[in-house]
Amino acid sequence: MAPGVLFGLLMVVAGLFSWAIARPLARRAAKIRTWVSATADLAWWTQRSTTQVRVLAVCWIVLGFIIAILSLTAGL
C-alpha cells in the first residue's frame, strides 16, 4: 500500500473519530466558557461548538478520501 493511501485513510479515521467525540468535546468547551461568563448559554455554545468540530471532521474525511484516491491513481 502506498504511503499516500495510508495517510489518506489515517485522515479519514481521524475525521470519523473527531465526528464521534464532537458532542462531549463541545460540552466541555461550553462548560469552560461558563467559567469566564456567568451568563453564557450552555446549550447554544454546545451546539455551536459541535457544529464547528463536525464541519472540521467532514473536511478531514473528504481530504483523506481525495488523498487516498489520488495516491491510488498515481500508482497505476
N, C-alpha and C. Protein backbone atom coordinates (compact mmCIF):
# COMPACT_ATOMS: atom_id res chain seq x y z
N MET A 1 0.84 -1.17 0.00
CA MET A 1 0.00 0.00 0.00
C MET A 1 0.89 1.24 0.00
N ALA A 2 0.57 2.15 -0.86
CA ALA A 2 1.36 3.38 -0.99
C ALA A 2 1.22 4.24 0.27
N PRO A 3 2.26 4.97 0.60
CA PRO A 3 2.19 5.83 1.80
C PRO A 3 1.08 6.87 1.73
N GLY A 4 0.80 7.37 0.54
CA GLY A 4 -0.27 8.35 0.39
C GLY A 4 -1.64 7.76 0.71
N VAL A 5 -1.85 6.52 0.30
CA VAL A 5 -3.11 5.85 0.59
C VAL A 5 -3.25 5.65 2.09
N LEU A 6 -2.20 5.23 2.72
CA LEU A 6 -2.22 5.03 4.17
C LEU A 6 -2.48 6.35 4.90
N PHE A 7 -1.82 7.40 4.45
CA PHE A 7 -2.03 8.72 5.06
C PHE A 7 -3.47 9.19 4.86
N GLY A 8 -4.01 8.98 3.66
CA GLY A 8 -5.40 9.37 3.40
C GLY A 8 -6.38 8.62 4.27
N LEU A 9 -6.17 7.32 4.41
CA LEU A 9 -7.05 6.53 5.27
C LEU A 9 -6.91 6.93 6.73
N LEU A 10 -5.71 7.30 7.14
CA LEU A 10 -5.50 7.78 8.50
C LEU A 10 -6.26 9.09 8.74
N MET A 11 -6.28 9.95 7.73
CA MET A 11 -7.05 11.19 7.85
C MET A 11 -8.55 10.92 7.94
N VAL A 12 -9.02 9.93 7.19
CA VAL A 12 -10.44 9.57 7.25
C VAL A 12 -10.78 9.06 8.65
N VAL A 13 -9.93 8.21 9.21
CA VAL A 13 -10.17 7.68 10.55
C VAL A 13 -10.15 8.81 11.58
N ALA A 14 -9.22 9.75 11.43
CA ALA A 14 -9.16 10.90 12.34
C ALA A 14 -10.43 11.74 12.24
N GLY A 15 -10.94 11.91 11.04
CA GLY A 15 -12.19 12.65 10.85
C GLY A 15 -13.37 11.94 11.49
N LEU A 16 -13.44 10.62 11.32
CA LEU A 16 -14.53 9.87 11.94
C LEU A 16 -14.44 9.92 13.47
N PHE A 17 -13.23 9.85 13.99
CA PHE A 17 -13.05 9.95 15.44
C PHE A 17 -13.46 11.34 15.93
N SER A 18 -13.09 12.37 15.19
CA SER A 18 -13.48 13.73 15.57
C SER A 18 -14.99 13.89 15.56
N TRP A 19 -15.64 13.30 14.57
CA TRP A 19 -17.10 13.37 14.49
C TRP A 19 -17.72 12.68 15.71
N ALA A 20 -17.15 11.56 16.11
CA ALA A 20 -17.71 10.80 17.22
C ALA A 20 -17.56 11.52 18.56
N ILE A 21 -16.46 12.25 18.75
CA ILE A 21 -16.27 12.91 20.03
C ILE A 21 -16.68 14.38 20.01
N ALA A 22 -17.33 14.83 18.95
CA ALA A 22 -17.67 16.25 18.82
C ALA A 22 -18.58 16.72 19.95
N ARG A 23 -19.62 15.97 20.28
CA ARG A 23 -20.58 16.43 21.29
C ARG A 23 -19.95 16.51 22.68
N PRO A 24 -19.28 15.46 23.19
CA PRO A 24 -18.67 15.60 24.52
C PRO A 24 -17.59 16.68 24.58
N LEU A 25 -16.83 16.81 23.50
CA LEU A 25 -15.79 17.84 23.44
C LEU A 25 -16.41 19.23 23.49
N ALA A 26 -17.50 19.42 22.75
CA ALA A 26 -18.18 20.71 22.73
C ALA A 26 -18.82 21.02 24.08
N ARG A 27 -19.34 20.01 24.74
CA ARG A 27 -19.95 20.22 26.06
C ARG A 27 -18.90 20.70 27.07
N ARG A 28 -17.72 20.09 27.01
CA ARG A 28 -16.64 20.52 27.91
C ARG A 28 -16.21 21.95 27.61
N ALA A 29 -16.10 22.28 26.33
CA ALA A 29 -15.71 23.64 25.95
C ALA A 29 -16.76 24.65 26.40
N ALA A 30 -18.04 24.28 26.32
CA ALA A 30 -19.10 25.19 26.77
C ALA A 30 -19.04 25.38 28.28
N LYS A 31 -18.71 24.33 29.02
CA LYS A 31 -18.59 24.47 30.47
C LYS A 31 -17.44 25.39 30.84
N ILE A 32 -16.34 25.30 30.10
CA ILE A 32 -15.22 26.21 30.33
C ILE A 32 -15.65 27.64 30.04
N ARG A 33 -16.48 27.82 29.03
CA ARG A 33 -16.98 29.16 28.69
C ARG A 33 -17.79 29.73 29.85
N THR A 34 -18.52 28.89 30.58
CA THR A 34 -19.32 29.40 31.70
C THR A 34 -18.43 29.84 32.87
N TRP A 35 -17.20 29.36 32.93
CA TRP A 35 -16.29 29.84 33.97
C TRP A 35 -15.96 31.31 33.74
N VAL A 36 -15.87 31.69 32.47
CA VAL A 36 -15.49 33.05 32.12
C VAL A 36 -16.69 34.00 32.19
N SER A 37 -17.84 33.51 31.71
CA SER A 37 -19.04 34.35 31.66
C SER A 37 -20.20 33.62 32.34
N ALA A 38 -20.73 34.23 33.37
CA ALA A 38 -21.82 33.60 34.12
C ALA A 38 -23.11 33.57 33.32
N THR A 39 -23.24 34.42 32.32
CA THR A 39 -24.48 34.47 31.53
C THR A 39 -24.40 33.67 30.24
N ALA A 40 -23.35 32.88 30.06
CA ALA A 40 -23.19 32.10 28.83
C ALA A 40 -24.27 31.03 28.73
N ASP A 41 -24.83 30.89 27.55
CA ASP A 41 -25.87 29.89 27.30
C ASP A 41 -25.19 28.56 26.97
N LEU A 42 -25.26 27.62 27.88
CA LEU A 42 -24.56 26.34 27.74
C LEU A 42 -25.03 25.56 26.52
N ALA A 43 -26.34 25.50 26.31
CA ALA A 43 -26.88 24.73 25.18
C ALA A 43 -26.46 25.34 23.85
N TRP A 44 -26.51 26.68 23.75
CA TRP A 44 -26.15 27.32 22.49
C TRP A 44 -24.67 27.12 22.18
N TRP A 45 -23.81 27.29 23.18
CA TRP A 45 -22.38 27.11 22.96
C TRP A 45 -22.06 25.66 22.62
N THR A 46 -22.77 24.72 23.24
CA THR A 46 -22.55 23.31 22.92
C THR A 46 -22.90 23.03 21.47
N GLN A 47 -24.05 23.53 21.02
CA GLN A 47 -24.47 23.31 19.64
C GLN A 47 -23.50 23.97 18.66
N ARG A 48 -23.08 25.19 18.96
CA ARG A 48 -22.17 25.91 18.07
C ARG A 48 -20.84 25.18 17.95
N SER A 49 -20.30 24.76 19.07
CA SER A 49 -19.02 24.07 19.05
C SER A 49 -19.12 22.71 18.37
N THR A 50 -20.23 22.01 18.59
CA THR A 50 -20.44 20.72 17.93
C THR A 50 -20.44 20.90 16.42
N THR A 51 -21.13 21.92 15.95
CA THR A 51 -21.18 22.18 14.50
C THR A 51 -19.78 22.47 13.97
N GLN A 52 -19.01 23.28 14.68
CA GLN A 52 -17.67 23.61 14.22
C GLN A 52 -16.77 22.38 14.14
N VAL A 53 -16.83 21.54 15.16
CA VAL A 53 -15.98 20.34 15.16
C VAL A 53 -16.42 19.39 14.06
N ARG A 54 -17.72 19.26 13.84
CA ARG A 54 -18.20 18.34 12.80
C ARG A 54 -17.87 18.84 11.40
N VAL A 55 -17.91 20.14 11.18
CA VAL A 55 -17.50 20.69 9.88
C VAL A 55 -16.03 20.39 9.63
N LEU A 56 -15.20 20.58 10.64
CA LEU A 56 -13.79 20.26 10.52
C LEU A 56 -13.58 18.76 10.28
N ALA A 57 -14.37 17.92 10.95
CA ALA A 57 -14.27 16.47 10.75
C ALA A 57 -14.62 16.08 9.32
N VAL A 58 -15.64 16.69 8.76
CA VAL A 58 -16.02 16.40 7.37
C VAL A 58 -14.91 16.82 6.42
N CYS A 59 -14.26 17.94 6.71
CA CYS A 59 -13.13 18.37 5.88
C CYS A 59 -12.01 17.34 5.91
N TRP A 60 -11.70 16.83 7.10
CA TRP A 60 -10.66 15.80 7.23
C TRP A 60 -11.04 14.54 6.44
N ILE A 61 -12.31 14.13 6.53
CA ILE A 61 -12.76 12.92 5.82
C ILE A 61 -12.66 13.11 4.31
N VAL A 62 -13.13 14.24 3.82
CA VAL A 62 -13.10 14.50 2.38
C VAL A 62 -11.66 14.59 1.88
N LEU A 63 -10.82 15.32 2.59
CA LEU A 63 -9.41 15.41 2.19
C LEU A 63 -8.72 14.05 2.22
N GLY A 64 -9.05 13.24 3.22
CA GLY A 64 -8.48 11.90 3.31
C GLY A 64 -8.85 11.05 2.12
N PHE A 65 -10.13 11.10 1.73
CA PHE A 65 -10.56 10.34 0.56
C PHE A 65 -9.88 10.84 -0.71
N ILE A 66 -9.77 12.14 -0.84
CA ILE A 66 -9.13 12.69 -2.03
C ILE A 66 -7.67 12.27 -2.10
N ILE A 67 -6.95 12.36 -0.98
CA ILE A 67 -5.54 11.96 -0.96
C ILE A 67 -5.40 10.47 -1.27
N ALA A 68 -6.26 9.65 -0.66
CA ALA A 68 -6.18 8.20 -0.89
C ALA A 68 -6.46 7.86 -2.36
N ILE A 69 -7.48 8.47 -2.94
CA ILE A 69 -7.83 8.17 -4.34
C ILE A 69 -6.74 8.66 -5.29
N LEU A 70 -6.23 9.88 -5.03
CA LEU A 70 -5.18 10.38 -5.90
C LEU A 70 -3.90 9.54 -5.78
N SER A 71 -3.61 9.05 -4.59
CA SER A 71 -2.44 8.20 -4.42
C SER A 71 -2.62 6.86 -5.12
N LEU A 72 -3.84 6.34 -5.09
CA LEU A 72 -4.11 5.09 -5.80
C LEU A 72 -3.97 5.26 -7.31
N THR A 73 -4.53 6.36 -7.82
CA THR A 73 -4.47 6.57 -9.27
C THR A 73 -3.07 6.94 -9.73
N ALA A 74 -2.29 7.59 -8.87
CA ALA A 74 -0.92 7.94 -9.24
C ALA A 74 -0.03 6.71 -9.33
N GLY A 75 -0.38 5.68 -8.59
CA GLY A 75 0.42 4.46 -8.60
C GLY A 75 0.13 3.54 -9.77
N LEU A 76 -0.90 3.84 -10.55
CA LEU A 76 -1.26 2.97 -11.68
C LEU A 76 -0.43 3.18 -12.90
